[in-house]
Amino acid sequence: MPGSWVVFVFLGDSITAGYQQGPGNLPPRYYPYTNMLESTIRMKLKEREAEKDVAIENMGMDGDSTSGMINRFAMSVTPEKPEYVVIMGGLNDLFTRVPDDDVYRNLVQLTQMSREIGAEPIMLSTTPVAGAVDFNERIEALNDRLAGYCEENGVRFIDLFSELLGDGVLAKEFSNDGVHLSDGGYKKMISVLAPLLLELVEG
């Protein structure tokens, strides 16, 4: 039996939630990447006979903004008593012309809120979109600012933007609609995140 649990809360928008647009008139589905990530880490822990276990709670919400994430933090994150809060957001803000400075400040505030409840924040970069090089340059500039903040303040920063990029935009193999991730996109996320999260769980 595991000796202790390590809890991660993933906080974000529809990409965090696993949203995938359904074909034709079919309703959307949600790719269970956080469940798969949890299973992958748990299997590795069992192989190594580690006296630890992991729980990953997905608190992604379709259409959410960074200010919305702040507003629901106390309800969505705090009750889970996580060791780590994995933060990703910003696309909906940028799509709706929220000033870049506001998006940056909100994401920084979420790292601070995480630490206030005794959790360590992990910042995931905002992901790219298809067919809009100029827009992706704006996303990249935001990510660069976030990476700088994280480096200066001891926050782990994971660059998913570069992992999902192809020719300056979201690579076709990683998305079906140009914004949200396909099965391949989420499998890429798992491959990037699993080693880091496993290392954190093992301590």
N, C-alpha and C. Protein backbone atom coordinates (compact mmCIF):
# COMPACT_ATOMS: atom_id res chain seq x y z
N MET A 1 0.85 -1.20 0.00
CA MET A 1 0.00 0.00 0.00
C MET A 1 0.88 1.24 0.00
N PRO A 2 0.46 2.29 -0.74
CA PRO A 2 1.25 3.51 -0.77
C PRO A 2 1.30 4.18 0.59
N GLY A 3 2.45 4.77 0.90
CA GLY A 3 2.61 5.41 2.18
C GLY A 3 2.01 6.79 2.23
N SER A 4 2.02 7.52 1.11
CA SER A 4 1.48 8.88 1.10
C SER A 4 1.03 9.25 -0.31
N TRP A 5 0.08 10.16 -0.36
CA TRP A 5 -0.46 10.64 -1.63
C TRP A 5 0.15 11.99 -1.97
N VAL A 6 0.35 12.20 -3.25
CA VAL A 6 0.74 13.51 -3.77
C VAL A 6 -0.37 13.95 -4.72
N VAL A 7 -0.96 15.10 -4.43
CA VAL A 7 -2.12 15.57 -5.18
C VAL A 7 -1.73 16.73 -6.09
N PHE A 8 -2.11 16.61 -7.36
CA PHE A 8 -1.95 17.67 -8.34
C PHE A 8 -3.34 18.16 -8.75
N VAL A 9 -3.52 19.47 -8.83
CA VAL A 9 -4.73 20.04 -9.42
C VAL A 9 -4.33 20.75 -10.71
N PHE A 10 -4.98 20.38 -11.80
CA PHE A 10 -4.78 21.05 -13.08
C PHE A 10 -5.87 22.11 -13.22
N LEU A 11 -5.47 23.37 -13.29
CA LEU A 11 -6.40 24.50 -13.36
C LEU A 11 -6.26 25.19 -14.71
N GLY A 12 -7.37 25.36 -15.42
CA GLY A 12 -7.28 26.01 -16.73
C GLY A 12 -8.61 26.07 -17.44
N ASP A 13 -8.52 26.18 -18.77
CA ASP A 13 -9.71 26.32 -19.60
C ASP A 13 -10.04 25.01 -20.30
N SER A 14 -10.63 25.08 -21.51
CA SER A 14 -11.07 23.87 -22.20
C SER A 14 -9.91 22.97 -22.60
N ILE A 15 -8.74 23.53 -22.84
CA ILE A 15 -7.59 22.70 -23.19
C ILE A 15 -7.18 21.86 -21.98
N THR A 16 -7.18 22.47 -20.82
CA THR A 16 -6.93 21.71 -19.60
C THR A 16 -8.02 20.66 -19.38
N ALA A 17 -9.26 21.01 -19.69
CA ALA A 17 -10.38 20.09 -19.48
C ALA A 17 -10.32 18.88 -20.40
N GLY A 18 -9.60 19.00 -21.54
CA GLY A 18 -9.51 17.90 -22.49
C GLY A 18 -10.52 17.99 -23.62
N TYR A 19 -11.11 19.17 -23.80
CA TYR A 19 -12.16 19.36 -24.80
C TYR A 19 -11.69 19.03 -26.21
N GLN A 20 -12.54 18.29 -26.92
CA GLN A 20 -12.32 18.02 -28.34
C GLN A 20 -13.65 18.17 -29.07
N GLN A 21 -13.64 18.95 -30.14
CA GLN A 21 -14.85 19.18 -30.92
C GLN A 21 -15.30 17.89 -31.59
N GLY A 22 -16.58 17.57 -31.45
CA GLY A 22 -17.12 16.36 -32.06
C GLY A 22 -17.27 16.52 -33.57
N PRO A 23 -17.17 15.44 -34.34
CA PRO A 23 -17.35 15.52 -35.79
C PRO A 23 -18.79 15.84 -36.16
N GLY A 24 -18.96 16.67 -37.20
CA GLY A 24 -20.31 17.01 -37.65
C GLY A 24 -21.11 17.69 -36.56
N ASN A 25 -22.32 17.16 -36.32
CA ASN A 25 -23.20 17.72 -35.30
C ASN A 25 -23.11 16.97 -33.97
N LEU A 26 -22.14 16.09 -33.87
CA LEU A 26 -22.00 15.33 -32.63
C LEU A 26 -21.48 16.23 -31.51
N PRO A 27 -21.87 15.95 -30.28
CA PRO A 27 -21.39 16.77 -29.15
C PRO A 27 -19.90 16.58 -28.93
N PRO A 28 -19.28 17.53 -28.23
CA PRO A 28 -17.85 17.39 -27.95
C PRO A 28 -17.58 16.23 -27.01
N ARG A 29 -16.33 15.80 -27.02
CA ARG A 29 -15.92 14.78 -26.06
C ARG A 29 -14.71 15.33 -25.30
N TYR A 30 -14.34 14.64 -24.25
CA TYR A 30 -13.23 15.09 -23.42
C TYR A 30 -12.19 13.98 -23.33
N TYR A 31 -11.01 14.29 -23.82
CA TYR A 31 -9.94 13.29 -23.83
C TYR A 31 -9.40 13.14 -22.41
N PRO A 32 -9.36 11.93 -21.87
CA PRO A 32 -9.02 11.73 -20.45
C PRO A 32 -7.51 11.72 -20.19
N TYR A 33 -6.83 12.77 -20.64
CA TYR A 33 -5.37 12.75 -20.55
C TYR A 33 -4.87 12.80 -19.11
N THR A 34 -5.61 13.48 -18.22
CA THR A 34 -5.13 13.52 -16.83
C THR A 34 -5.29 12.14 -16.18
N ASN A 35 -6.34 11.42 -16.53
CA ASN A 35 -6.48 10.04 -16.03
C ASN A 35 -5.35 9.16 -16.55
N MET A 36 -5.01 9.34 -17.83
CA MET A 36 -3.92 8.57 -18.43
C MET A 36 -2.58 8.93 -17.80
N LEU A 37 -2.41 10.21 -17.53
CA LEU A 37 -1.18 10.69 -16.89
C LEU A 37 -1.05 10.09 -15.49
N GLU A 38 -2.14 10.10 -14.76
CA GLU A 38 -2.15 9.51 -13.42
C GLU A 38 -1.81 8.02 -13.47
N SER A 39 -2.41 7.31 -14.43
CA SER A 39 -2.16 5.86 -14.55
C SER A 39 -0.71 5.58 -14.92
N THR A 40 -0.16 6.41 -15.81
CA THR A 40 1.24 6.25 -16.23
C THR A 40 2.18 6.41 -15.04
N ILE A 41 1.96 7.45 -14.25
CA ILE A 41 2.81 7.70 -13.09
C ILE A 41 2.64 6.60 -12.05
N ARG A 42 1.40 6.19 -11.82
CA ARG A 42 1.14 5.14 -10.83
C ARG A 42 1.83 3.83 -11.21
N MET A 43 1.82 3.51 -12.50
CA MET A 43 2.47 2.29 -12.98
C MET A 43 3.97 2.34 -12.71
N LYS A 44 4.57 3.51 -12.98
CA LYS A 44 6.01 3.67 -12.74
C LYS A 44 6.34 3.56 -11.25
N LEU A 45 5.49 4.13 -10.42
CA LEU A 45 5.70 4.04 -8.97
C LEU A 45 5.64 2.60 -8.50
N LYS A 46 4.70 1.85 -9.06
CA LYS A 46 4.57 0.44 -8.68
C LYS A 46 5.79 -0.36 -9.11
N GLU A 47 6.28 -0.07 -10.33
CA GLU A 47 7.48 -0.76 -10.83
C GLU A 47 8.67 -0.52 -9.91
N ARG A 48 8.75 0.69 -9.36
CA ARG A 48 9.89 1.06 -8.51
C ARG A 48 9.64 0.77 -7.03
N GLU A 49 8.46 0.20 -6.75
CA GLU A 49 8.07 -0.13 -5.38
C GLU A 49 8.15 1.10 -4.46
N ALA A 50 7.77 2.23 -5.04
CA ALA A 50 7.78 3.48 -4.27
C ALA A 50 6.59 3.51 -3.32
N GLU A 51 6.81 4.00 -2.12
CA GLU A 51 5.74 4.09 -1.13
C GLU A 51 5.01 5.42 -1.27
N LYS A 52 4.58 5.69 -2.48
CA LYS A 52 3.87 6.93 -2.81
C LYS A 52 2.73 6.57 -3.75
N ASP A 53 1.72 7.45 -3.80
CA ASP A 53 0.67 7.35 -4.80
C ASP A 53 0.35 8.75 -5.28
N VAL A 54 -0.39 8.84 -6.38
CA VAL A 54 -0.64 10.13 -7.00
C VAL A 54 -2.12 10.28 -7.32
N ALA A 55 -2.62 11.49 -7.17
CA ALA A 55 -3.98 11.83 -7.59
C ALA A 55 -3.91 13.11 -8.41
N ILE A 56 -4.53 13.10 -9.58
CA ILE A 56 -4.57 14.28 -10.44
C ILE A 56 -6.02 14.69 -10.62
N GLU A 57 -6.35 15.87 -10.14
CA GLU A 57 -7.72 16.40 -10.24
C GLU A 57 -7.76 17.43 -11.36
N ASN A 58 -8.65 17.21 -12.33
CA ASN A 58 -8.76 18.11 -13.48
C ASN A 58 -9.84 19.15 -13.21
N MET A 59 -9.42 20.40 -13.06
CA MET A 59 -10.33 21.51 -12.82
C MET A 59 -10.34 22.47 -14.01
N GLY A 60 -10.21 21.91 -15.22
CA GLY A 60 -10.36 22.72 -16.41
C GLY A 60 -11.82 23.06 -16.64
N MET A 61 -12.08 24.25 -17.18
CA MET A 61 -13.46 24.68 -17.45
C MET A 61 -13.52 25.32 -18.83
N ASP A 62 -14.43 24.83 -19.66
CA ASP A 62 -14.58 25.36 -21.02
C ASP A 62 -14.84 26.86 -20.98
N GLY A 63 -14.12 27.59 -21.83
CA GLY A 63 -14.34 29.02 -21.98
C GLY A 63 -13.80 29.88 -20.86
N ASP A 64 -13.10 29.29 -19.91
CA ASP A 64 -12.66 30.08 -18.76
C ASP A 64 -11.54 31.04 -19.13
N SER A 65 -11.51 32.14 -18.42
CA SER A 65 -10.46 33.15 -18.56
C SER A 65 -9.54 33.08 -17.35
N THR A 66 -8.44 33.80 -17.42
CA THR A 66 -7.54 33.81 -16.26
C THR A 66 -8.19 34.49 -15.06
N SER A 67 -9.03 35.50 -15.29
CA SER A 67 -9.74 36.12 -14.16
C SER A 67 -10.78 35.16 -13.59
N GLY A 68 -11.40 34.35 -14.46
CA GLY A 68 -12.34 33.34 -13.98
C GLY A 68 -11.64 32.30 -13.13
N MET A 69 -10.42 31.94 -13.52
CA MET A 69 -9.65 30.97 -12.75
C MET A 69 -9.33 31.52 -11.36
N ILE A 70 -9.02 32.81 -11.29
CA ILE A 70 -8.78 33.45 -10.00
C ILE A 70 -10.05 33.41 -9.15
N ASN A 71 -11.17 33.74 -9.77
CA ASN A 71 -12.43 33.83 -9.03
C ASN A 71 -12.89 32.49 -8.47
N ARG A 72 -12.56 31.39 -9.15
CA ARG A 72 -13.02 30.08 -8.66
C ARG A 72 -11.92 29.28 -7.95
N PHE A 73 -10.77 29.90 -7.76
CA PHE A 73 -9.65 29.19 -7.13
C PHE A 73 -10.04 28.61 -5.77
N ALA A 74 -10.69 29.41 -4.95
CA ALA A 74 -11.05 28.96 -3.60
C ALA A 74 -12.01 27.79 -3.62
N MET A 75 -12.83 27.70 -4.67
CA MET A 75 -13.80 26.62 -4.78
C MET A 75 -13.22 25.40 -5.50
N SER A 76 -12.42 25.64 -6.54
CA SER A 76 -11.94 24.55 -7.39
C SER A 76 -10.63 23.92 -6.90
N VAL A 77 -9.79 24.72 -6.27
CA VAL A 77 -8.44 24.26 -5.93
C VAL A 77 -8.25 24.02 -4.44
N THR A 78 -8.55 25.03 -3.64
CA THR A 78 -8.24 24.97 -2.20
C THR A 78 -8.79 23.72 -1.50
N PRO A 79 -10.05 23.31 -1.75
CA PRO A 79 -10.57 22.13 -1.04
C PRO A 79 -9.83 20.83 -1.33
N GLU A 80 -9.12 20.77 -2.46
CA GLU A 80 -8.40 19.54 -2.83
C GLU A 80 -7.10 19.37 -2.04
N LYS A 81 -6.66 20.43 -1.37
CA LYS A 81 -5.42 20.41 -0.58
C LYS A 81 -4.24 19.83 -1.38
N PRO A 82 -3.97 20.42 -2.54
CA PRO A 82 -2.93 19.86 -3.41
C PRO A 82 -1.52 20.20 -2.94
N GLU A 83 -0.60 19.32 -3.31
CA GLU A 83 0.82 19.64 -3.17
C GLU A 83 1.29 20.52 -4.32
N TYR A 84 0.64 20.34 -5.49
CA TYR A 84 1.04 21.08 -6.70
C TYR A 84 -0.21 21.56 -7.44
N VAL A 85 -0.13 22.79 -7.97
CA VAL A 85 -1.18 23.32 -8.84
C VAL A 85 -0.57 23.58 -10.21
N VAL A 86 -1.11 22.91 -11.22
CA VAL A 86 -0.62 23.02 -12.59
C VAL A 86 -1.51 24.02 -13.32
N ILE A 87 -0.94 25.15 -13.70
CA ILE A 87 -1.70 26.29 -14.22
C ILE A 87 -1.47 26.44 -15.72
N MET A 88 -2.55 26.54 -16.48
CA MET A 88 -2.43 26.85 -17.91
C MET A 88 -3.65 27.65 -18.34
N GLY A 89 -3.42 28.76 -19.00
CA GLY A 89 -4.54 29.59 -19.45
C GLY A 89 -4.06 30.74 -20.31
N GLY A 90 -5.00 31.59 -20.69
CA GLY A 90 -4.64 32.79 -21.43
C GLY A 90 -5.21 32.88 -22.83
N LEU A 91 -5.49 31.74 -23.46
CA LEU A 91 -5.96 31.79 -24.85
C LEU A 91 -7.30 32.52 -24.96
N ASN A 92 -8.24 32.20 -24.10
CA ASN A 92 -9.56 32.85 -24.18
C ASN A 92 -9.44 34.34 -23.94
N ASP A 93 -8.54 34.74 -23.05
CA ASP A 93 -8.30 36.17 -22.82
C ASP A 93 -7.78 36.84 -24.09
N LEU A 94 -6.79 36.22 -24.72
CA LEU A 94 -6.19 36.81 -25.91
C LEU A 94 -7.19 36.86 -27.06
N PHE A 95 -8.03 35.83 -27.17
CA PHE A 95 -9.06 35.82 -28.22
C PHE A 95 -10.06 36.95 -28.03
N THR A 96 -10.32 37.32 -26.78
CA THR A 96 -11.32 38.35 -26.48
C THR A 96 -10.68 39.71 -26.19
N ARG A 97 -9.43 39.85 -26.58
CA ARG A 97 -8.71 41.13 -26.54
C ARG A 97 -8.49 41.67 -25.13
N VAL A 98 -8.38 40.79 -24.18
CA VAL A 98 -7.91 41.22 -22.86
C VAL A 98 -6.46 41.65 -23.01
N PRO A 99 -6.06 42.79 -22.45
CA PRO A 99 -4.67 43.24 -22.59
C PRO A 99 -3.67 42.19 -22.12
N ASP A 100 -2.59 42.06 -22.87
CA ASP A 100 -1.58 41.05 -22.54
C ASP A 100 -1.05 41.22 -21.12
N ASP A 101 -0.88 42.47 -20.68
CA ASP A 101 -0.38 42.71 -19.32
C ASP A 101 -1.32 42.14 -18.27
N ASP A 102 -2.63 42.24 -18.52
CA ASP A 102 -3.61 41.71 -17.57
C ASP A 102 -3.54 40.19 -17.51
N VAL A 103 -3.37 39.55 -18.67
CA VAL A 103 -3.27 38.09 -18.72
C VAL A 103 -2.04 37.64 -17.93
N TYR A 104 -0.94 38.31 -18.17
CA TYR A 104 0.31 37.99 -17.46
C TYR A 104 0.13 38.14 -15.95
N ARG A 105 -0.44 39.27 -15.52
CA ARG A 105 -0.62 39.52 -14.08
C ARG A 105 -1.53 38.48 -13.44
N ASN A 106 -2.58 38.09 -14.17
CA ASN A 106 -3.50 37.09 -13.62
C ASN A 106 -2.81 35.74 -13.43
N LEU A 107 -2.01 35.33 -14.40
CA LEU A 107 -1.31 34.05 -14.29
C LEU A 107 -0.28 34.09 -13.17
N VAL A 108 0.40 35.22 -13.03
CA VAL A 108 1.33 35.39 -11.91
C VAL A 108 0.58 35.30 -10.58
N GLN A 109 -0.58 35.96 -10.51
CA GLN A 109 -1.37 35.92 -9.28
C GLN A 109 -1.77 34.49 -8.92
N LEU A 110 -2.06 33.66 -9.92
CA LEU A 110 -2.43 32.27 -9.65
C LEU A 110 -1.27 31.49 -9.03
N THR A 111 -0.05 31.80 -9.43
CA THR A 111 1.10 31.14 -8.79
C THR A 111 1.20 31.57 -7.33
N GLN A 112 0.93 32.83 -7.08
CA GLN A 112 1.01 33.34 -5.70
C GLN A 112 -0.10 32.75 -4.84
N MET A 113 -1.30 32.63 -5.41
CA MET A 113 -2.42 32.03 -4.68
C MET A 113 -2.14 30.57 -4.34
N SER A 114 -1.47 29.89 -5.25
CA SER A 114 -1.11 28.49 -5.00
C SER A 114 -0.19 28.39 -3.78
N ARG A 115 0.80 29.25 -3.74
CA ARG A 115 1.74 29.22 -2.62
C ARG A 115 1.08 29.61 -1.31
N GLU A 116 0.08 30.48 -1.39
CA GLU A 116 -0.62 30.90 -0.17
C GLU A 116 -1.37 29.75 0.50
N ILE A 117 -1.75 28.72 -0.29
CA ILE A 117 -2.45 27.57 0.31
C ILE A 117 -1.47 26.40 0.56
N GLY A 118 -0.17 26.68 0.44
CA GLY A 118 0.83 25.67 0.74
C GLY A 118 1.16 24.74 -0.41
N ALA A 119 0.75 25.10 -1.62
CA ALA A 119 1.02 24.27 -2.80
C ALA A 119 2.11 24.92 -3.65
N GLU A 120 2.82 24.08 -4.40
CA GLU A 120 3.81 24.60 -5.33
C GLU A 120 3.16 24.75 -6.71
N PRO A 121 3.28 25.93 -7.33
CA PRO A 121 2.72 26.11 -8.67
C PRO A 121 3.64 25.54 -9.75
N ILE A 122 3.02 25.04 -10.80
CA ILE A 122 3.73 24.64 -12.02
C ILE A 122 3.04 25.37 -13.16
N MET A 123 3.77 26.17 -13.90
CA MET A 123 3.19 26.94 -15.00
C MET A 123 3.41 26.22 -16.32
N LEU A 124 2.31 25.92 -17.02
CA LEU A 124 2.41 25.42 -18.39
C LEU A 124 2.25 26.59 -19.33
N SER A 125 3.05 26.64 -20.37
CA SER A 125 2.94 27.73 -21.33
C SER A 125 1.58 27.70 -22.01
N THR A 126 1.13 28.86 -22.44
CA THR A 126 -0.07 28.93 -23.29
C THR A 126 0.25 28.25 -24.61
N THR A 127 -0.70 27.48 -25.13
CA THR A 127 -0.46 26.67 -26.32
C THR A 127 -0.70 27.47 -27.60
N PRO A 128 -0.07 27.07 -28.72
CA PRO A 128 -0.24 27.79 -29.98
C PRO A 128 -1.57 27.47 -30.65
N VAL A 129 -1.89 28.24 -31.69
CA VAL A 129 -3.08 28.00 -32.51
C VAL A 129 -2.65 27.85 -33.96
N ALA A 130 -3.55 27.35 -34.80
CA ALA A 130 -3.23 27.13 -36.21
C ALA A 130 -3.52 28.37 -37.05
N GLY A 131 -2.77 28.54 -38.12
CA GLY A 131 -3.09 29.51 -39.17
C GLY A 131 -2.99 30.97 -38.80
N ALA A 132 -2.26 31.31 -37.76
CA ALA A 132 -2.18 32.71 -37.34
C ALA A 132 -0.81 32.98 -36.72
N VAL A 133 0.17 33.18 -37.60
CA VAL A 133 1.54 33.37 -37.12
C VAL A 133 1.65 34.59 -36.21
N ASP A 134 0.99 35.70 -36.58
CA ASP A 134 1.05 36.91 -35.76
C ASP A 134 0.49 36.67 -34.37
N PHE A 135 -0.63 35.95 -34.31
CA PHE A 135 -1.25 35.66 -33.01
C PHE A 135 -0.34 34.77 -32.17
N ASN A 136 0.30 33.83 -32.82
CA ASN A 136 1.23 32.95 -32.10
C ASN A 136 2.45 33.71 -31.60
N GLU A 137 2.86 34.74 -32.31
CA GLU A 137 3.96 35.57 -31.82
C GLU A 137 3.56 36.29 -30.53
N ARG A 138 2.29 36.68 -30.47
CA ARG A 138 1.77 37.30 -29.25
C ARG A 138 1.75 36.29 -28.10
N ILE A 139 1.32 35.06 -28.39
CA ILE A 139 1.32 34.00 -27.38
C ILE A 139 2.75 33.74 -26.90
N GLU A 140 3.67 33.68 -27.86
CA GLU A 140 5.06 33.40 -27.52
C GLU A 140 5.65 34.50 -26.63
N ALA A 141 5.28 35.75 -26.92
CA ALA A 141 5.77 36.86 -26.09
C ALA A 141 5.25 36.74 -24.66
N LEU A 142 3.98 36.35 -24.51
CA LEU A 142 3.42 36.12 -23.18
C LEU A 142 4.18 35.00 -22.48
N ASN A 143 4.42 33.92 -23.21
CA ASN A 143 5.14 32.79 -22.62
C ASN A 143 6.55 33.17 -22.19
N ASP A 144 7.20 34.01 -22.98
CA ASP A 144 8.55 34.45 -22.62
C ASP A 144 8.54 35.24 -21.30
N ARG A 145 7.53 36.09 -21.14
CA ARG A 145 7.41 36.85 -19.89
C ARG A 145 7.15 35.91 -18.72
N LEU A 146 6.28 34.94 -18.93
CA LEU A 146 5.97 33.98 -17.86
C LEU A 146 7.20 33.16 -17.49
N ALA A 147 7.95 32.74 -18.51
CA ALA A 147 9.17 31.96 -18.25
C ALA A 147 10.16 32.77 -17.43
N GLY A 148 10.28 34.05 -17.75
CA GLY A 148 11.18 34.92 -17.00
C GLY A 148 10.74 35.08 -15.55
N TYR A 149 9.45 35.29 -15.35
CA TYR A 149 8.93 35.39 -13.98
C TYR A 149 9.19 34.10 -13.21
N CYS A 150 8.92 32.97 -13.85
CA CYS A 150 9.09 31.68 -13.18
C CYS A 150 10.55 31.44 -12.79
N GLU A 151 11.45 31.79 -13.68
CA GLU A 151 12.88 31.61 -13.39
C GLU A 151 13.30 32.46 -12.20
N GLU A 152 12.80 33.68 -12.14
CA GLU A 152 13.18 34.59 -11.06
C GLU A 152 12.56 34.22 -9.72
N ASN A 153 11.45 33.48 -9.77
CA ASN A 153 10.70 33.23 -8.54
C ASN A 153 10.59 31.75 -8.17
N GLY A 154 11.42 30.92 -8.79
CA GLY A 154 11.48 29.52 -8.41
C GLY A 154 10.24 28.72 -8.73
N VAL A 155 9.55 29.10 -9.81
CA VAL A 155 8.36 28.37 -10.26
C VAL A 155 8.74 27.50 -11.46
N ARG A 156 8.33 26.26 -11.44
CA ARG A 156 8.60 25.38 -12.59
C ARG A 156 7.78 25.85 -13.78
N PHE A 157 8.43 25.95 -14.94
CA PHE A 157 7.77 26.38 -16.18
C PHE A 157 7.98 25.30 -17.23
N ILE A 158 6.89 24.85 -17.85
CA ILE A 158 6.94 23.80 -18.86
C ILE A 158 6.52 24.39 -20.20
N ASP A 159 7.40 24.32 -21.18
CA ASP A 159 7.16 24.93 -22.48
C ASP A 159 6.44 23.96 -23.42
N LEU A 160 5.11 23.93 -23.33
CA LEU A 160 4.31 23.13 -24.26
C LEU A 160 4.21 23.80 -25.62
N PHE A 161 4.31 25.13 -25.65
CA PHE A 161 4.20 25.89 -26.90
C PHE A 161 5.15 25.34 -27.95
N SER A 162 6.43 25.23 -27.60
CA SER A 162 7.43 24.74 -28.55
C SER A 162 7.19 23.29 -28.93
N GLU A 163 6.71 22.49 -27.98
CA GLU A 163 6.48 21.06 -28.24
C GLU A 163 5.35 20.85 -29.25
N LEU A 164 4.41 21.78 -29.31
CA LEU A 164 3.23 21.63 -30.17
C LEU A 164 3.32 22.43 -31.45
N LEU A 165 4.42 23.13 -31.65
CA LEU A 165 4.57 24.06 -32.77
C LEU A 165 5.10 23.37 -34.02
N GLY A 166 4.63 23.85 -35.18
CA GLY A 166 5.16 23.41 -36.47
C GLY A 166 5.03 24.54 -37.47
N ASP A 167 6.14 25.01 -38.02
CA ASP A 167 6.12 26.13 -38.98
C ASP A 167 5.44 27.38 -38.42
N GLY A 168 5.68 27.65 -37.15
CA GLY A 168 5.19 28.88 -36.54
C GLY A 168 3.76 28.83 -36.04
N VAL A 169 3.07 27.70 -36.24
CA VAL A 169 1.68 27.57 -35.79
C VAL A 169 1.49 26.20 -35.13
N LEU A 170 0.30 25.98 -34.58
CA LEU A 170 -0.02 24.69 -33.98
C LEU A 170 0.05 23.60 -35.05
N ALA A 171 0.89 22.60 -34.83
CA ALA A 171 1.10 21.55 -35.82
C ALA A 171 -0.20 20.77 -36.07
N LYS A 172 -0.43 20.43 -37.34
CA LYS A 172 -1.69 19.78 -37.73
C LYS A 172 -1.91 18.46 -37.00
N GLU A 173 -0.83 17.73 -36.74
CA GLU A 173 -1.00 16.43 -36.09
C GLU A 173 -1.41 16.54 -34.63
N PHE A 174 -1.40 17.75 -34.09
CA PHE A 174 -1.74 17.93 -32.68
C PHE A 174 -3.10 18.58 -32.46
N SER A 175 -3.86 18.84 -33.53
CA SER A 175 -5.16 19.48 -33.37
C SER A 175 -6.10 19.10 -34.50
N ASN A 176 -7.40 19.04 -34.19
CA ASN A 176 -8.41 18.79 -35.21
C ASN A 176 -9.15 20.05 -35.62
N ASP A 177 -9.12 21.08 -34.79
CA ASP A 177 -9.87 22.30 -35.09
C ASP A 177 -9.00 23.56 -35.08
N GLY A 178 -7.70 23.41 -34.90
CA GLY A 178 -6.81 24.55 -34.95
C GLY A 178 -6.57 25.26 -33.63
N VAL A 179 -7.31 24.86 -32.59
CA VAL A 179 -7.14 25.46 -31.26
C VAL A 179 -7.00 24.37 -30.19
N HIS A 180 -7.99 23.50 -30.14
CA HIS A 180 -7.98 22.43 -29.13
C HIS A 180 -7.10 21.27 -29.59
N LEU A 181 -6.68 20.46 -28.65
CA LEU A 181 -5.73 19.40 -28.97
C LEU A 181 -6.44 18.12 -29.39
N SER A 182 -5.83 17.44 -30.33
CA SER A 182 -6.28 16.12 -30.77
C SER A 182 -5.75 15.06 -29.81
N ASP A 183 -6.09 13.80 -30.08
CA ASP A 183 -5.52 12.71 -29.29
C ASP A 183 -3.99 12.80 -29.30
N GLY A 184 -3.44 13.07 -30.49
CA GLY A 184 -1.98 13.18 -30.61
C GLY A 184 -1.41 14.33 -29.80
N GLY A 185 -2.16 15.44 -29.73
CA GLY A 185 -1.71 16.57 -28.94
C GLY A 185 -1.67 16.26 -27.46
N TYR A 186 -2.71 15.56 -26.99
CA TYR A 186 -2.73 15.21 -25.57
C TYR A 186 -1.70 14.14 -25.23
N LYS A 187 -1.47 13.22 -26.17
CA LYS A 187 -0.42 12.22 -25.93
C LYS A 187 0.95 12.90 -25.84
N LYS A 188 1.12 13.97 -26.63
CA LYS A 188 2.36 14.75 -26.54
C LYS A 188 2.48 15.39 -25.16
N MET A 189 1.38 15.95 -24.67
CA MET A 189 1.39 16.54 -23.33
C MET A 189 1.78 15.51 -22.28
N ILE A 190 1.21 14.33 -22.38
CA ILE A 190 1.52 13.27 -21.42
C ILE A 190 3.01 12.94 -21.44
N SER A 191 3.56 12.85 -22.65
CA SER A 191 4.98 12.49 -22.77
C SER A 191 5.89 13.55 -22.17
N VAL A 192 5.45 14.81 -22.23
CA VAL A 192 6.24 15.90 -21.65
C VAL A 192 6.08 15.96 -20.13
N LEU A 193 4.85 15.79 -19.66
CA LEU A 193 4.56 16.00 -18.24
C LEU A 193 4.88 14.81 -17.35
N ALA A 194 4.72 13.60 -17.87
CA ALA A 194 4.86 12.41 -17.02
C ALA A 194 6.21 12.33 -16.30
N PRO A 195 7.34 12.54 -16.99
CA PRO A 195 8.64 12.44 -16.28
C PRO A 195 8.79 13.47 -15.17
N LEU A 196 8.32 14.70 -15.41
CA LEU A 196 8.42 15.74 -14.39
C LEU A 196 7.56 15.40 -13.18
N LEU A 197 6.31 15.04 -13.42
CA LEU A 197 5.41 14.75 -12.31
C LEU A 197 5.88 13.53 -11.52
N LEU A 198 6.39 12.54 -12.22
CA LEU A 198 6.93 11.36 -11.53
C LEU A 198 8.07 11.74 -10.61
N GLU A 199 8.96 12.59 -11.10
CA GLU A 199 10.10 13.05 -10.29
C GLU A 199 9.61 13.78 -9.04
N LEU A 200 8.57 14.60 -9.19
CA LEU A 200 8.04 15.34 -8.05
C LEU A 200 7.39 14.41 -7.04
N VAL A 201 6.66 13.43 -7.54
CA VAL A 201 6.00 12.48 -6.63
C VAL A 201 7.03 11.69 -5.83
N GLU A 202 8.09 11.27 -6.51
CA GLU A 202 9.12 10.48 -5.83
C GLU A 202 9.92 11.31 -4.84
N GLY A 203 9.91 12.62 -5.05
CA GLY A 203 10.58 13.52 -4.11
C GLY A 203 12.07 13.49 -4.22
